[in-house]
Every structure is written in structure tokens, then in C-alpha cells.
Amino acid sequence: MTRLGAVITEAIVQHYGRDELFRRLANPFWFQSFGAVMGMDWHSSGITTSVLGALKRGLTPLSGELGIHVCGGRGAQSRKTPGELVDIGDRVGIDGASLATKSRLIAKVDSAAVQDGFDLYLHGFIVADDGKWVVIQQGMNGERRQARRYHWLSEGLTSFLDSPHAAIEGREQGEIINLADRRAERSRSEQLDLLASIGPDGIIREFNALERKAKANNKVELQPTLPYLIMPAHHDVREEDVNMRRLHGNLAAAADRGPVDFQELLLTSGVGARTVKALAMVAEVVHGAPCRFSDPARFSLAHGGKDRHPFPVPLKVYDETISVMKSAVRKGRLGRDEELSALKRLDDQSRMLERYVTGPDLKEIVAGEFDCAFSYGGRSVFGWEPPTDSDGDHIESGRLRSRKS
């Protein structure tokens, strides 16, 4: 995950710049898809920890070149964030102390101003050499064993207490006290006035009176719309979790553009054609528009999942994907963008073909992956996949069919 996450990040920065990378990291649908294409459990709260950890390990050696620095992490690592930001500020010439204050304030907003039943345990602060930043932090509700992720983006942020979130991910948990909502400005002001004028005991009396009034008046003002991702509780990838039209477009593009743009790769014995299928989804993570990530489960079909859902991680395919992406990024640095352009054509072709291609259903695709898991070096947290009688036969039999035919 460290190697693949770093090289995908490099490709995005080369094509679209750091600002676009930060916008994507602030989008919960893209972030979940990014984790899924790297082989993390597609629906798991662990995607947040794994993606941020992989980026911190993978991008730290590249920070001088990319001008991107990943700070913080889970637990004790999160508390080191302000110090890391001060050190980075001293090194690259930005106001690290100010960034450290922002880090503490953002953590306080989501732990105190937003009281939603989730206790923060992870804080990731990604900052660029020009001082722009994105923050991703996550809280856990231990009783329900559910997580909620909060995304912040410096671009366009005018206030830390005026609906500042770029997005929130997680299931609704009933009534939420959100003093960071723009509609709570009057409430915040009056709370300070109350504290000064009537003290804690008076505040309790006022609170009880307001609670009685709220019960008598059930009118509810709707929360302003945010990108709001809710992941299902089931571990397996189901057809309702995947936009099959887009998936068939990915597979058709791999079959159509692969022989043209990846001839050298396909001359490699073994898993070349399967790698092009993975690259079609990696290409979408690099080039796809925000609306393309409404079904993060689809991206788990690139490299499977470590929990064996939808299938074990095919390590041979994974390594080959990394090799292709590294080659493309390395040549791109030298001004030779033919391989990065090939990935862009793969994504363009996916969007064009999905309008009319059909193909096997999800169960057939997943079954084919399990049939070939041994030959692809399939591995999960349960160990290596054993050989099967049908190994290698099923995956190539599911050919795409055109509605036009």
C-alpha cells in the first residue's frame, strides 16, 4: 500500500497539481475508493488509518520533490502533529506555529464543538510547501463499533466555526450537538454571555427550560448538504454496492486499449492481461471526476481485499501495477508522458464504453478471481490461497458483450 499509494499520488500531482490532490483527499468517496484500489477492506474504518499511514511512509522520502508533508496518525502519533508541523515550517519556510494551532483547533472542533458520540483517535494533517493543507480525522463509537471520518480543506475555508467541514463520513447516530454549524453562531455568542452573567447553575436552569421547549416544538431545520458517505455493515461486496455499468466499462476498456497501449506488458508471461484490468481502475482513481466515486466497492475489484472480500489480494498483479505506475511516473518526470497518457486513454475509454457494453454479473467476476487466486499469488490475512482444479480457466472466459450486438 505504501508503494502503490505513493506512486498514485505522484501521478495525480504530475497531471493535476497538489491542490487537486488535496481536493480529492477531502472527498470521502474518492478517499474510500483510493483505499479500496490499494487492497484495504473496502468498507472498513481501517481504510483511514491504512491510507494515511501508507502516505506518510511513502511520501516522506519524496517530500522535498513533491512539496507535500504528511503529519500525525493514530493515537500517540496524532498528538505529535503540532510538533511535526513546527519542524516542517522551520525547514521549508512556512508558519509552522500557525499550522500547529490550526491542528489543535480542528481536533477540538470535532471532539468538543461537534458532540456526536464519536471519540477522536486519529488525526492526519497533510500540508504543502505553500501552506495549503487537508485534514482527515476519525472518531470511534465503541458501543456501536462504528467510525466517523471528518474531512477538512484549507481551500475556501473562512471560519473554523462556520460549517467548516469539506465532508463527513459515517452513519447518523441520532441527535447531534454541532456548535460548528453556521446556524449556531447565535448560540455560541449567547453561551458566552450566559456564562458571564448567570454562571454554571444558571446555565443548567436555562438548558432545562430549552429542553422542555424543544420537546414541545418538533420543528427541525435540515443540516446543510455535505458530501456524506455511509458505508454498509456487510463485509462482502454485493452487486448493489457496485455500479455494474461502470465496472463493465473498466473491463471493456482494459480489453480494448490494453493490446494497443500495453503491448510490452502483455508480452510478459502470466498476469499481464489481468494487470491491465487493475490499471483501468487505478487510472480512474488518477483521472476520474468526483461523480465517478459514488460506488467505492467497485475499486476493490482492482486488487481485492486483505480480508478476502471480494477476493484475496493478487500480489503478482499488485506488484505489476506498481511497476507500471512507477515507470509511468519516472518517465513523466523526464517529460516523457506516453505511459501516463496511456493510462488517461484507458480511463477515457472506460467512460465511453460503459454507455453500451455489458458483461458477466458480479458473482461470476468474483468467482473467476477466486479460481485464479493461486496463480495470481493470492493472499489475505488468512494466508496464501491454495491451488484449485479450475485455476486459470475462468477469468478469461467472461468476455464482454456489446448491447449493439
Protein backbone atom coordinates (compact mmCIF):
# COMPACT_ATOMS: atom_id res chain seq x y z
CA MET A 1 0.00 0.00 0.00
CA THR A 2 2.90 2.34 0.74
CA ARG A 3 4.40 1.89 -2.73
CA LEU A 4 1.13 1.98 -4.67
CA GLY A 5 -0.30 4.90 -2.68
CA ALA A 6 2.85 6.96 -3.21
CA VAL A 7 3.03 6.34 -6.95
CA ILE A 8 -0.68 7.09 -7.50
CA THR A 9 -0.20 10.31 -5.55
CA GLU A 10 2.80 11.23 -7.69
CA ALA A 11 0.80 10.62 -10.86
CA ILE A 12 -2.02 12.90 -9.68
CA VAL A 13 0.41 15.67 -8.71
CA GLN A 14 2.19 15.39 -12.08
CA HIS A 15 -1.06 15.60 -14.02
CA TYR A 16 -3.20 17.93 -11.91
CA GLY A 17 -1.07 19.51 -9.17
CA ARG A 18 -1.07 19.46 -5.37
CA ASP A 19 -4.26 21.48 -4.99
CA GLU A 20 -6.23 18.85 -6.90
CA LEU A 21 -4.71 16.06 -4.80
CA PHE A 22 -5.86 17.87 -1.64
CA ARG A 23 -9.37 18.34 -3.05
CA ARG A 24 -9.56 14.61 -3.69
CA LEU A 25 -8.30 13.70 -0.23
CA ALA A 26 -11.07 15.93 1.17
CA ASN A 27 -13.69 13.95 -0.79
CA PRO A 28 -14.84 10.93 1.27
CA PHE A 29 -15.95 8.96 -1.80
CA TRP A 30 -12.60 9.36 -3.54
CA PHE A 31 -10.70 8.64 -0.31
CA GLN A 32 -12.64 5.40 0.21
CA SER A 33 -12.08 4.40 -3.43
CA PHE A 34 -8.36 5.18 -3.08
CA GLY A 35 -8.10 2.84 -0.10
CA ALA A 36 -10.11 0.14 -1.87
CA VAL A 37 -7.95 0.19 -5.01
CA MET A 38 -4.92 -0.32 -2.75
CA GLY A 39 -6.38 -3.57 -1.36
CA MET A 40 -7.67 -2.39 2.02
CA ASP A 41 -11.05 -3.74 3.21
CA TRP A 42 -13.37 -1.67 1.03
CA HIS A 43 -15.94 -0.81 3.72
CA SER A 44 -13.66 -0.72 6.77
CA SER A 45 -12.88 2.19 9.07
CA GLY A 46 -9.32 0.86 8.87
CA ILE A 47 -9.02 2.42 5.42
CA THR A 48 -8.40 5.80 7.10
CA THR A 49 -5.53 4.55 9.25
CA SER A 50 -4.04 2.46 6.45
CA VAL A 51 -4.20 5.13 3.75
CA LEU A 52 -2.75 7.87 5.95
CA GLY A 53 -0.06 5.50 7.27
CA ALA A 54 0.85 4.41 3.74
CA LEU A 55 1.03 8.00 2.53
CA LYS A 56 3.16 9.07 5.48
CA ARG A 57 5.66 6.28 4.84
CA GLY A 58 5.57 6.60 1.05
CA LEU A 59 5.60 10.39 0.65
CA THR A 60 8.08 11.34 3.38
CA PRO A 61 11.09 10.38 1.21
CA LEU A 62 9.50 12.39 -1.65
CA SER A 63 8.58 15.46 0.41
CA GLY A 64 11.43 17.56 -1.00
CA GLU A 65 10.42 16.75 -4.57
CA LEU A 66 6.62 16.94 -4.23
CA GLY A 67 6.44 19.61 -1.54
CA ILE A 68 3.92 17.52 0.42
CA HIS A 69 4.28 16.51 4.07
CA VAL A 70 2.09 14.00 5.94
CA CYS A 71 1.87 14.51 9.72
CA GLY A 72 0.06 12.83 12.57
CA GLY A 73 -1.61 9.47 12.62
CA ARG A 74 -3.37 7.26 15.12
CA GLY A 75 -3.27 7.54 18.91
CA ALA A 76 0.06 8.83 20.20
CA GLN A 77 1.11 9.79 16.66
CA SER A 78 -1.81 12.21 16.42
CA ARG A 79 -0.53 14.13 19.46
CA LYS A 80 2.82 14.66 17.74
CA THR A 81 1.20 16.57 14.86
CA PRO A 82 1.77 20.14 16.17
CA GLY A 83 5.47 19.44 16.73
CA GLU A 84 5.83 17.90 13.28
CA LEU A 85 4.19 20.96 11.71
CA VAL A 86 6.54 23.34 13.54
CA ASP A 87 9.54 21.34 12.33
CA ILE A 88 8.26 21.38 8.73
CA GLY A 89 7.62 25.11 8.95
CA ASP A 90 11.19 25.73 10.06
CA ARG A 91 12.50 23.54 7.26
CA VAL A 92 10.50 24.90 4.29
CA GLY A 93 9.80 28.46 5.43
CA ILE A 94 6.09 28.46 6.29
CA ASP A 95 4.40 29.40 9.57
CA GLY A 96 4.56 26.08 11.38
CA ALA A 97 3.31 27.55 14.67
CA SER A 98 0.15 28.78 12.96
CA LEU A 99 -0.38 25.37 11.36
CA ALA A 100 0.09 23.73 14.77
CA THR A 101 -2.62 25.99 16.21
CA LYS A 102 -4.94 25.04 13.33
CA SER A 103 -4.25 21.35 14.01
CA ARG A 104 -5.22 21.69 17.67
CA LEU A 105 -8.29 23.78 16.83
CA ILE A 106 -9.57 21.30 14.23
CA ALA A 107 -9.17 18.46 16.72
CA LYS A 108 -11.07 20.48 19.33
CA VAL A 109 -13.91 21.31 16.93
CA ASP A 110 -14.57 17.65 16.11
CA SER A 111 -14.15 16.47 19.70
CA ALA A 112 -15.90 19.26 21.61
CA ALA A 113 -17.89 21.59 19.34
CA VAL A 114 -19.31 18.57 17.45
CA GLN A 115 -20.72 16.15 20.01
CA ASP A 116 -21.94 13.17 18.03
CA GLY A 117 -20.94 10.17 20.13
CA PHE A 118 -17.60 9.57 18.37
CA ASP A 119 -14.30 9.92 20.22
CA LEU A 120 -11.40 11.10 18.06
CA TYR A 121 -8.48 8.70 17.87
CA LEU A 122 -6.84 9.62 14.55
CA HIS A 123 -5.68 12.97 13.21
CA GLY A 124 -3.86 13.29 9.89
CA PHE A 125 -2.62 16.70 8.72
CA ILE A 126 -1.21 16.91 5.17
CA VAL A 127 0.44 20.21 4.29
CA ALA A 128 2.14 21.59 1.17
CA ASP A 129 5.17 23.85 0.93
CA ASP A 130 2.86 26.77 0.11
CA GLY A 131 0.97 26.33 3.39
CA LYS A 132 -2.21 24.79 1.97
CA TRP A 133 -3.48 21.76 3.83
CA VAL A 134 -6.04 18.99 4.16
CA VAL A 135 -7.00 17.29 7.43
CA ILE A 136 -8.57 13.87 7.81
CA GLN A 137 -9.51 12.70 11.27
CA GLN A 138 -11.63 9.90 12.58
CA GLY A 139 -13.63 9.11 15.69
CA MET A 140 -14.92 5.81 17.05
CA ASN A 141 -18.16 4.91 18.80
CA GLY A 142 -17.01 1.93 20.86
CA GLU A 143 -20.51 0.87 21.84
CA ARG A 144 -21.69 0.60 18.25
CA ARG A 145 -18.26 -0.37 16.86
CA GLN A 146 -18.67 2.25 14.14
CA ALA A 147 -16.43 5.07 12.95
CA ARG A 148 -16.96 8.55 11.59
CA ARG A 149 -14.46 10.39 9.42
CA TYR A 150 -14.17 14.17 9.16
CA HIS A 151 -12.56 15.92 6.16
CA TRP A 152 -11.25 19.49 6.23
CA LEU A 153 -9.72 21.53 3.39
CA SER A 154 -7.93 24.87 3.69
CA GLU A 155 -9.10 25.96 0.22
CA GLY A 156 -12.20 28.11 0.64
CA LEU A 157 -12.21 27.84 4.45
CA THR A 158 -13.28 31.14 6.01
CA SER A 159 -14.04 30.08 9.58
CA PHE A 160 -13.40 27.11 11.84
CA LEU A 161 -16.87 27.53 13.36
CA ASP A 162 -18.97 28.30 10.28
CA SER A 163 -19.79 24.87 8.78
CA PRO A 164 -16.08 24.27 8.14
CA HIS A 165 -16.10 20.61 7.09
CA ALA A 166 -15.44 19.66 3.49
CA ALA A 167 -17.22 16.36 4.15
CA ILE A 168 -18.29 13.87 6.82
CA GLU A 169 -18.40 10.08 6.51
CA GLY A 170 -20.43 7.84 8.79
CA ARG A 171 -23.91 6.74 9.81
CA GLU A 172 -26.32 9.08 11.57
CA GLN A 173 -26.38 8.43 15.30
CA GLY A 174 -29.45 10.34 16.38
CA GLU A 175 -29.31 13.82 17.87
CA ILE A 176 -26.05 15.74 17.36
CA ILE A 177 -24.86 18.90 19.08
CA ASN A 178 -22.97 20.81 16.40
CA LEU A 179 -21.72 24.20 17.54
CA ALA A 180 -19.57 24.36 14.39
CA ASP A 181 -22.69 24.79 12.25
CA ARG A 182 -23.09 28.29 10.77
CA ARG A 183 -26.60 28.40 12.29
CA ALA A 184 -25.07 28.04 15.79
CA GLU A 185 -23.34 31.45 15.77
CA ARG A 186 -26.05 32.99 17.95
CA SER A 187 -25.91 30.01 20.28
CA ARG A 188 -22.14 30.32 20.72
CA SER A 189 -22.41 34.03 21.46
CA GLU A 190 -25.23 33.59 23.93
CA GLN A 191 -23.42 30.77 25.72
CA LEU A 192 -20.54 33.12 26.44
CA ASP A 193 -22.95 35.82 27.63
CA LEU A 194 -24.74 33.31 29.87
CA LEU A 195 -21.50 32.08 31.40
CA ALA A 196 -20.51 35.64 32.24
CA SER A 197 -23.91 36.75 33.53
CA ILE A 198 -25.56 33.82 35.33
CA GLY A 199 -22.80 31.29 35.88
CA PRO A 200 -22.90 27.47 35.60
CA ASP A 201 -26.00 26.99 37.76
CA GLY A 202 -27.98 29.46 35.70
CA ILE A 203 -26.87 27.72 32.50
CA ILE A 204 -28.28 24.43 33.80
CA ARG A 205 -31.64 26.11 34.51
CA GLU A 206 -31.68 27.66 31.03
CA PHE A 207 -30.76 24.32 29.46
CA ASN A 208 -33.66 22.55 31.19
CA ALA A 209 -36.05 25.25 30.01
CA LEU A 210 -34.78 24.96 26.43
CA GLU A 211 -35.11 21.17 26.52
CA ARG A 212 -38.77 21.44 27.57
CA LYS A 213 -39.37 23.97 24.78
CA ALA A 214 -37.68 21.72 22.20
CA LYS A 215 -39.94 18.80 23.12
CA ALA A 216 -42.98 20.99 22.64
CA ASN A 217 -41.75 22.22 19.23
CA ASN A 218 -40.65 19.40 16.95
CA LYS A 219 -39.69 21.65 14.00
CA VAL A 220 -36.26 20.60 12.73
CA GLU A 221 -34.05 22.66 10.41
CA LEU A 222 -32.22 20.49 7.92
CA GLN A 223 -28.42 20.22 8.05
CA PRO A 224 -26.68 21.91 5.10
CA THR A 225 -25.76 19.38 2.44
CA LEU A 226 -22.25 17.89 2.57
CA PRO A 227 -20.67 15.01 0.70
CA TYR A 228 -21.90 12.35 3.12
CA LEU A 229 -20.68 8.79 2.64
CA ILE A 230 -22.38 5.97 4.54
CA MET A 231 -20.77 2.54 4.23
CA PRO A 232 -22.77 -0.68 4.69
CA ALA A 233 -22.15 -3.05 7.58
CA HIS A 234 -21.64 -6.18 5.47
CA HIS A 235 -18.12 -7.31 4.61
CA ASP A 236 -18.80 -8.95 1.26
CA VAL A 237 -19.05 -6.91 -1.94
CA ARG A 238 -22.59 -7.17 -3.31
CA GLU A 239 -23.96 -6.21 -6.68
CA GLU A 240 -25.97 -3.38 -5.14
CA ASP A 241 -22.68 -1.89 -3.88
CA VAL A 242 -21.23 -1.65 -7.40
CA ASN A 243 -22.23 0.40 -10.43
CA MET A 244 -22.03 -2.52 -12.87
CA ARG A 245 -22.23 -0.25 -15.90
CA ARG A 246 -19.01 1.46 -14.82
CA LEU A 247 -17.37 -1.85 -13.92
CA HIS A 248 -18.15 -3.29 -17.35
CA GLY A 249 -16.73 -0.10 -18.85
CA ASN A 250 -13.49 -0.62 -16.90
CA LEU A 251 -13.19 -4.23 -18.06
CA ALA A 252 -14.07 -3.40 -21.66
CA ALA A 253 -11.50 -0.60 -21.77
CA ALA A 254 -8.82 -2.99 -20.49
CA ALA A 255 -9.66 -5.43 -23.28
CA ASP A 256 -9.86 -2.66 -25.89
CA ARG A 257 -6.91 -0.38 -25.01
CA GLY A 258 -4.68 -2.98 -23.35
CA PRO A 259 -3.36 -4.64 -26.52
CA VAL A 260 -2.73 -1.20 -28.08
CA ASP A 261 -1.14 0.74 -25.22
CA PHE A 262 0.42 -2.00 -23.09
CA GLN A 263 1.96 -4.32 -25.69
CA GLU A 264 5.22 -4.71 -23.80
CA LEU A 265 3.36 -5.52 -20.58
CA LEU A 266 1.23 -8.13 -22.32
CA LEU A 267 4.32 -9.89 -23.63
CA THR A 268 5.14 -10.75 -20.00
CA SER A 269 4.01 -14.29 -19.28
CA GLY A 270 1.44 -14.87 -16.58
CA VAL A 271 -0.65 -11.95 -15.43
CA GLY A 272 -0.27 -9.11 -17.96
CA ALA A 273 -3.89 -9.01 -19.12
CA ARG A 274 -5.18 -9.14 -15.55
CA THR A 275 -2.93 -6.23 -14.60
CA VAL A 276 -4.44 -4.06 -17.34
CA LYS A 277 -7.85 -4.66 -15.71
CA ALA A 278 -6.43 -3.38 -12.42
CA LEU A 279 -4.82 -0.45 -14.20
CA ALA A 280 -8.21 0.57 -15.63
CA MET A 281 -9.43 1.22 -12.09
CA VAL A 282 -6.16 2.80 -10.95
CA ALA A 283 -6.42 5.10 -14.00
CA GLU A 284 -9.87 6.19 -12.85
CA VAL A 285 -8.55 6.97 -9.35
CA VAL A 286 -5.93 9.19 -11.01
CA HIS A 287 -8.15 10.81 -13.66
CA GLY A 288 -11.81 10.26 -12.72
CA ALA A 289 -14.26 13.08 -11.98
CA PRO A 290 -15.74 13.32 -8.43
CA CYS A 291 -19.08 11.86 -9.55
CA ARG A 292 -17.29 8.63 -10.55
CA PHE A 293 -16.63 7.52 -6.97
CA SER A 294 -20.14 7.02 -5.66
CA ASP A 295 -19.53 3.23 -5.55
CA PRO A 296 -16.19 2.74 -3.73
CA ALA A 297 -16.76 -1.04 -3.67
CA ARG A 298 -16.05 -1.20 -7.40
CA PHE A 299 -12.42 -0.26 -6.83
CA SER A 300 -11.89 -3.27 -4.58
CA LEU A 301 -12.15 -5.35 -7.76
CA ALA A 302 -8.76 -4.00 -8.86
CA HIS A 303 -6.68 -5.70 -6.18
CA GLY A 304 -9.14 -7.47 -3.89
CA GLY A 305 -9.06 -7.02 -0.12
CA LYS A 306 -6.88 -8.23 2.71
CA ASP A 307 -9.98 -9.71 4.39
CA ARG A 308 -10.63 -11.87 1.25
CA HIS A 309 -13.54 -9.64 0.18
CA PRO A 310 -14.26 -9.52 -2.70
CA PHE A 311 -11.27 -11.86 -3.23
CA PRO A 312 -7.71 -12.30 -1.90
CA VAL A 313 -5.14 -9.69 -2.93
CA PRO A 314 -3.41 -10.95 -6.12
CA LEU A 315 0.13 -9.98 -5.18
CA LYS A 316 1.59 -10.68 -8.64
CA VAL A 317 -0.96 -8.31 -10.17
CA TYR A 318 -0.39 -5.79 -7.38
CA ASP A 319 3.38 -5.76 -7.93
CA GLU A 320 2.94 -5.42 -11.67
CA THR A 321 0.55 -2.49 -11.20
CA ILE A 322 3.15 -0.76 -9.02
CA SER A 323 5.84 -1.45 -11.63
CA VAL A 324 3.77 0.06 -14.46
CA MET A 325 2.82 3.12 -12.39
CA LYS A 326 6.42 3.69 -11.25
CA SER A 327 7.65 3.50 -14.83
CA ALA A 328 4.98 5.97 -15.98
CA VAL A 329 5.73 8.46 -13.20
CA ARG A 330 9.50 8.14 -13.64
CA LYS A 331 9.26 8.85 -17.37
CA GLY A 332 6.77 11.64 -16.69
CA ARG A 333 9.38 13.42 -14.55
CA LEU A 334 11.65 13.42 -17.58
CA GLY A 335 8.96 14.92 -19.80
CA ARG A 336 8.09 11.61 -21.45
CA ASP A 337 4.41 11.23 -20.66
CA GLU A 338 3.48 8.46 -23.10
CA GLU A 339 2.76 5.93 -20.34
CA LEU A 340 0.78 8.40 -18.22
CA SER A 341 -1.12 9.32 -21.38
CA ALA A 342 -1.87 5.64 -21.96
CA LEU A 343 -3.47 5.50 -18.51
CA LYS A 344 -5.52 8.58 -19.36
CA ARG A 345 -6.73 6.89 -22.59
CA LEU A 346 -7.67 3.83 -20.57
CA ASP A 347 -9.88 5.97 -18.33
CA ASP A 348 -11.37 7.85 -21.29
CA GLN A 349 -12.19 4.55 -22.96
CA SER A 350 -13.89 3.25 -19.83
CA ARG A 351 -16.30 6.18 -19.81
CA MET A 352 -17.02 5.83 -23.50
CA LEU A 353 -17.59 2.06 -23.48
CA GLU A 354 -19.72 1.93 -20.34
CA ARG A 355 -22.56 3.50 -22.30
CA TYR A 356 -23.22 0.30 -24.24
CA VAL A 357 -21.15 -2.70 -23.06
CA THR A 358 -22.47 -5.48 -20.89
CA GLY A 359 -20.67 -8.33 -19.21
CA PRO A 360 -20.76 -11.01 -16.52
CA ASP A 361 -22.52 -10.38 -13.23
CA LEU A 362 -20.54 -9.64 -10.09
CA LYS A 363 -20.72 -13.18 -8.73
CA GLU A 364 -19.19 -14.53 -11.95
CA ILE A 365 -16.39 -11.96 -11.88
CA VAL A 366 -15.58 -12.69 -8.24
CA ALA A 367 -15.75 -16.45 -8.80
CA GLY A 368 -13.27 -16.07 -11.65
CA GLU A 369 -10.88 -14.20 -9.38
CA PHE A 370 -11.07 -16.95 -6.76
CA ASP A 371 -10.42 -19.57 -9.46
CA CYS A 372 -7.22 -17.78 -10.42
CA ALA A 373 -6.20 -16.65 -6.94
CA PHE A 374 -3.38 -19.17 -6.62
CA SER A 375 -1.77 -18.32 -9.98
CA TYR A 376 -2.01 -14.59 -9.17
CA GLY A 377 -0.25 -15.04 -5.82
CA GLY A 378 -3.47 -14.52 -3.88
CA ARG A 379 -3.00 -13.66 -0.24
CA SER A 380 -5.13 -12.36 2.64
CA VAL A 381 -4.88 -12.12 6.41
CA PHE A 382 -5.79 -15.82 6.38
CA GLY A 383 -2.67 -16.75 4.38
CA TRP A 384 -1.80 -17.77 0.83
CA GLU A 385 -4.51 -19.13 -1.44
CA PRO A 386 -4.17 -22.83 -2.36
CA PRO A 387 -4.41 -24.07 -5.98
CA THR A 388 -7.82 -25.14 -7.34
CA ASP A 389 -8.85 -27.53 -10.11
CA SER A 390 -10.10 -24.70 -12.30
CA ASP A 391 -7.19 -22.37 -11.62
CA GLY A 392 -6.52 -20.08 -14.56
CA ASP A 393 -9.52 -21.12 -16.66
CA HIS A 394 -12.42 -19.00 -15.53
CA ILE A 395 -11.12 -15.44 -15.56
CA GLU A 396 -10.59 -15.19 -19.30
CA SER A 397 -13.89 -16.87 -20.17
CA GLY A 398 -16.07 -13.96 -19.02
CA ARG A 399 -15.85 -11.95 -22.25
CA LEU A 400 -17.74 -8.69 -22.54
CA ARG A 401 -20.71 -8.46 -24.85
CA SER A 402 -21.89 -5.29 -26.58
CA ARG A 403 -25.53 -4.24 -26.46
CA LYS A 404 -25.07 -3.20 -30.07
CA SER A 405 -24.52 -6.85 -30.98
